Amino acid sequence: MIRKLQRFLPALAIFLTGCERAPSIDIIGSFFPAWMVCMTVAIVLTFVARFLLVRVKLESEVGPLIVFYPSLLTLLTSLLWLAYFR
């Protein structure tokens, strides 16, 4: 059993190479993962986008809102992470 496990150990090490360094941000002495900061900023930007869409009366034109806003949040989170941390 141990010999079988030893054969797969190098293959398992390949999957752990991405865990080498996680980008963290120091905020008031506490380190947060970069994705959490990007998501927080994206949530604020999504609320701003909703406010603007309601104000110009275009919210009814964007399609199903239950799909639009989570998609917008995901898009903004990914774009912020790519722009600032990659």
N, C-alpha and C. Protein backbone atom coordinates (compact mmCIF):
# COMPACT_ATOMS: atom_id res chain seq x y z
N MET A 1 0.83 -1.19 0.00
CA MET A 1 0.00 0.00 0.00
C MET A 1 0.87 1.25 0.00
N ILE A 2 1.91 1.25 0.80
CA ILE A 2 2.78 2.42 0.89
C ILE A 2 3.54 2.61 -0.43
N ARG A 3 3.93 1.53 -1.07
CA ARG A 3 4.65 1.64 -2.35
C ARG A 3 3.75 2.23 -3.43
N LYS A 4 2.48 1.88 -3.42
CA LYS A 4 1.55 2.47 -4.39
C LYS A 4 1.41 3.97 -4.14
N LEU A 5 1.36 4.34 -2.89
CA LEU A 5 1.24 5.75 -2.54
C LEU A 5 2.50 6.51 -2.93
N GLN A 6 3.66 5.89 -2.79
CA GLN A 6 4.91 6.54 -3.15
C GLN A 6 4.99 6.82 -4.65
N ARG A 7 4.35 6.01 -5.45
CA ARG A 7 4.35 6.24 -6.89
C ARG A 7 3.54 7.48 -7.26
N PHE A 8 2.50 7.75 -6.52
CA PHE A 8 1.64 8.90 -6.84
C PHE A 8 2.08 10.18 -6.15
N LEU A 9 3.03 10.13 -5.25
CA LEU A 9 3.48 11.31 -4.52
C LEU A 9 4.01 12.41 -5.43
N PRO A 10 4.87 12.12 -6.42
CA PRO A 10 5.31 13.20 -7.32
C PRO A 10 4.15 13.81 -8.11
N ALA A 11 3.19 13.01 -8.48
CA ALA A 11 2.03 13.53 -9.22
C ALA A 11 1.20 14.44 -8.32
N LEU A 12 1.07 14.10 -7.06
CA LEU A 12 0.32 14.95 -6.13
C LEU A 12 1.05 16.26 -5.87
N ALA A 13 2.37 16.24 -5.90
CA ALA A 13 3.14 17.46 -5.67
C ALA A 13 2.89 18.50 -6.76
N ILE A 14 2.58 18.06 -7.95
CA ILE A 14 2.29 19.00 -9.04
C ILE A 14 1.07 19.85 -8.71
N PHE A 15 0.09 19.25 -8.07
CA PHE A 15 -1.13 19.99 -7.74
C PHE A 15 -0.93 20.97 -6.59
N LEU A 16 0.13 20.85 -5.83
CA LEU A 16 0.38 21.74 -4.71
C LEU A 16 1.29 22.91 -5.08
N THR A 17 1.75 22.99 -6.30
CA THR A 17 2.65 24.07 -6.67
C THR A 17 1.97 25.43 -6.67
N GLY A 18 0.67 25.49 -6.86
CA GLY A 18 -0.04 26.76 -6.85
C GLY A 18 -0.23 27.32 -5.46
N CYS A 19 0.02 26.55 -4.43
CA CYS A 19 -0.16 26.99 -3.05
C CYS A 19 1.10 27.64 -2.49
N GLU A 20 2.05 27.92 -3.35
CA GLU A 20 3.34 28.45 -2.90
C GLU A 20 3.20 29.81 -2.23
N ARG A 21 2.53 30.74 -2.90
CA ARG A 21 2.41 32.08 -2.36
C ARG A 21 1.02 32.62 -2.67
N ALA A 22 0.31 32.98 -1.63
CA ALA A 22 -1.02 33.56 -1.82
C ALA A 22 -0.90 35.06 -1.61
N PRO A 23 -1.37 35.87 -2.57
CA PRO A 23 -1.27 37.32 -2.39
C PRO A 23 -2.17 37.79 -1.26
N SER A 24 -1.57 38.49 -0.31
CA SER A 24 -2.31 39.01 0.83
C SER A 24 -2.10 40.51 0.91
N ILE A 25 -3.08 41.18 1.45
CA ILE A 25 -3.04 42.63 1.59
C ILE A 25 -3.14 42.99 3.06
N ASP A 26 -2.28 43.89 3.51
CA ASP A 26 -2.30 44.33 4.90
C ASP A 26 -3.29 45.48 5.04
N ILE A 27 -4.36 45.25 5.80
CA ILE A 27 -5.36 46.29 6.07
C ILE A 27 -5.46 46.46 7.57
N ILE A 28 -4.99 47.58 8.06
CA ILE A 28 -5.00 47.93 9.47
C ILE A 28 -4.38 46.80 10.31
N GLY A 29 -3.27 46.28 9.86
CA GLY A 29 -2.53 45.28 10.62
C GLY A 29 -3.00 43.85 10.46
N SER A 30 -4.04 43.62 9.68
CA SER A 30 -4.55 42.27 9.47
C SER A 30 -4.44 41.93 7.99
N PHE A 31 -3.96 40.72 7.70
CA PHE A 31 -3.77 40.32 6.31
C PHE A 31 -5.03 39.64 5.78
N PHE A 32 -5.47 40.09 4.61
CA PHE A 32 -6.64 39.52 3.95
C PHE A 32 -6.21 38.96 2.60
N PRO A 33 -6.84 37.88 2.18
CA PRO A 33 -6.54 37.38 0.83
C PRO A 33 -6.98 38.41 -0.22
N ALA A 34 -6.26 38.45 -1.31
CA ALA A 34 -6.52 39.44 -2.35
C ALA A 34 -7.91 39.27 -2.95
N TRP A 35 -8.37 38.03 -3.09
CA TRP A 35 -9.69 37.81 -3.70
C TRP A 35 -10.79 38.39 -2.83
N MET A 36 -10.59 38.40 -1.50
CA MET A 36 -11.61 38.93 -0.60
C MET A 36 -11.71 40.45 -0.75
N VAL A 37 -10.58 41.10 -0.91
CA VAL A 37 -10.57 42.55 -1.11
C VAL A 37 -11.21 42.88 -2.45
N CYS A 38 -10.88 42.12 -3.48
CA CYS A 38 -11.47 42.35 -4.81
C CYS A 38 -12.98 42.15 -4.78
N MET A 39 -13.44 41.15 -4.05
CA MET A 39 -14.88 40.90 -3.98
C MET A 39 -15.59 42.02 -3.23
N THR A 40 -14.98 42.54 -2.19
CA THR A 40 -15.59 43.63 -1.44
C THR A 40 -15.73 44.87 -2.31
N VAL A 41 -14.69 45.20 -3.05
CA VAL A 41 -14.74 46.35 -3.95
C VAL A 41 -15.77 46.09 -5.06
N ALA A 42 -15.84 44.87 -5.57
CA ALA A 42 -16.80 44.53 -6.62
C ALA A 42 -18.23 44.63 -6.12
N ILE A 43 -18.48 44.28 -4.88
CA ILE A 43 -19.84 44.41 -4.31
C ILE A 43 -20.25 45.88 -4.29
N VAL A 44 -19.33 46.74 -3.87
CA VAL A 44 -19.62 48.17 -3.86
C VAL A 44 -19.87 48.68 -5.28
N LEU A 45 -19.05 48.24 -6.23
CA LEU A 45 -19.23 48.67 -7.62
C LEU A 45 -20.54 48.14 -8.22
N THR A 46 -20.95 46.95 -7.80
CA THR A 46 -22.22 46.41 -8.28
C THR A 46 -23.39 47.22 -7.74
N PHE A 47 -23.31 47.65 -6.49
CA PHE A 47 -24.37 48.51 -5.94
C PHE A 47 -24.40 49.85 -6.66
N VAL A 48 -23.23 50.39 -7.00
CA VAL A 48 -23.17 51.65 -7.75
C VAL A 48 -23.79 51.46 -9.13
N ALA A 49 -23.48 50.34 -9.78
CA ALA A 49 -24.06 50.06 -11.10
C ALA A 49 -25.58 49.93 -11.01
N ARG A 50 -26.07 49.26 -9.96
CA ARG A 50 -27.53 49.13 -9.79
C ARG A 50 -28.17 50.50 -9.58
N PHE A 51 -27.53 51.33 -8.75
CA PHE A 51 -28.04 52.68 -8.51
C PHE A 51 -28.13 53.47 -9.81
N LEU A 52 -27.08 53.37 -10.64
CA LEU A 52 -27.08 54.10 -11.91
C LEU A 52 -28.13 53.56 -12.88
N LEU A 53 -28.28 52.23 -12.92
CA LEU A 53 -29.29 51.64 -13.81
C LEU A 53 -30.70 52.03 -13.39
N VAL A 54 -30.96 52.07 -12.09
CA VAL A 54 -32.29 52.46 -11.60
C VAL A 54 -32.51 53.94 -11.88
N ARG A 55 -31.47 54.72 -11.70
CA ARG A 55 -31.62 56.17 -11.88
C ARG A 55 -31.92 56.55 -13.33
N VAL A 56 -31.31 55.85 -14.27
CA VAL A 56 -31.58 56.16 -15.69
C VAL A 56 -32.68 55.26 -16.26
N LYS A 57 -33.33 54.51 -15.39
CA LYS A 57 -34.47 53.65 -15.74
C LYS A 57 -34.13 52.61 -16.80
N LEU A 58 -32.98 51.95 -16.65
CA LEU A 58 -32.57 50.90 -17.57
C LEU A 58 -32.49 49.53 -16.90
N GLU A 59 -32.83 49.44 -15.63
CA GLU A 59 -32.71 48.16 -14.93
C GLU A 59 -33.63 47.11 -15.54
N SER A 60 -34.77 47.49 -16.03
CA SER A 60 -35.70 46.53 -16.63
C SER A 60 -35.21 46.00 -17.98
N GLU A 61 -34.20 46.63 -18.56
CA GLU A 61 -33.69 46.26 -19.88
C GLU A 61 -32.54 45.25 -19.83
N VAL A 62 -32.00 44.94 -18.66
CA VAL A 62 -30.78 44.12 -18.58
C VAL A 62 -31.07 42.63 -18.51
N GLY A 63 -32.30 42.23 -18.51
CA GLY A 63 -32.61 40.80 -18.47
C GLY A 63 -32.98 40.37 -17.06
N PRO A 64 -32.94 39.06 -16.81
CA PRO A 64 -33.28 38.59 -15.47
C PRO A 64 -32.27 39.09 -14.43
N LEU A 65 -32.76 39.83 -13.47
CA LEU A 65 -31.88 40.46 -12.49
C LEU A 65 -31.16 39.44 -11.62
N ILE A 66 -31.79 38.29 -11.40
CA ILE A 66 -31.18 37.26 -10.56
C ILE A 66 -29.94 36.66 -11.24
N VAL A 67 -29.82 36.83 -12.54
CA VAL A 67 -28.64 36.37 -13.29
C VAL A 67 -27.68 37.54 -13.53
N PHE A 68 -28.21 38.71 -13.78
CA PHE A 68 -27.39 39.86 -14.16
C PHE A 68 -26.46 40.31 -13.04
N TYR A 69 -26.99 40.51 -11.85
CA TYR A 69 -26.16 41.07 -10.79
C TYR A 69 -25.09 40.10 -10.27
N PRO A 70 -25.38 38.82 -10.07
CA PRO A 70 -24.27 37.91 -9.71
C PRO A 70 -23.22 37.80 -10.82
N SER A 71 -23.66 37.87 -12.07
CA SER A 71 -22.71 37.84 -13.18
C SER A 71 -21.84 39.09 -13.19
N LEU A 72 -22.45 40.23 -12.94
CA LEU A 72 -21.71 41.48 -12.88
C LEU A 72 -20.72 41.45 -11.72
N LEU A 73 -21.13 40.92 -10.59
CA LEU A 73 -20.24 40.80 -9.44
C LEU A 73 -19.05 39.90 -9.76
N THR A 74 -19.30 38.77 -10.40
CA THR A 74 -18.22 37.86 -10.77
C THR A 74 -17.28 38.51 -11.77
N LEU A 75 -17.83 39.20 -12.75
CA LEU A 75 -17.01 39.88 -13.75
C LEU A 75 -16.12 40.94 -13.11
N LEU A 76 -16.70 41.77 -12.26
CA LEU A 76 -15.92 42.83 -11.62
C LEU A 76 -14.86 42.27 -10.69
N THR A 77 -15.19 41.22 -9.94
CA THR A 77 -14.21 40.59 -9.06
C THR A 77 -13.04 40.05 -9.86
N SER A 78 -13.32 39.36 -10.93
CA SER A 78 -12.26 38.78 -11.76
C SER A 78 -11.41 39.86 -12.42
N LEU A 79 -12.04 40.90 -12.93
CA LEU A 79 -11.29 41.97 -13.57
C LEU A 79 -10.40 42.72 -12.58
N LEU A 80 -10.92 42.97 -11.38
CA LEU A 80 -10.10 43.64 -10.37
C LEU A 80 -8.91 42.78 -9.97
N TRP A 81 -9.14 41.49 -9.79
CA TRP A 81 -8.05 40.60 -9.40
C TRP A 81 -6.99 40.53 -10.51
N LEU A 82 -7.44 40.44 -11.76
CA LEU A 82 -6.49 40.39 -12.87
C LEU A 82 -5.73 41.70 -13.02
N ALA A 83 -6.40 42.82 -12.82
CA ALA A 83 -5.76 44.12 -13.00
C ALA A 83 -4.74 44.43 -11.92
N TYR A 84 -5.02 44.02 -10.69
CA TYR A 84 -4.16 44.45 -9.59
C TYR A 84 -3.26 43.36 -9.02
N PHE A 85 -3.55 42.10 -9.28
CA PHE A 85 -2.77 41.04 -8.63
C PHE A 85 -2.16 40.04 -9.59
N ARG A 86 -2.29 40.23 -10.88
CA ARG A 86 -1.64 39.35 -11.86
C ARG A 86 -0.87 40.15 -12.82
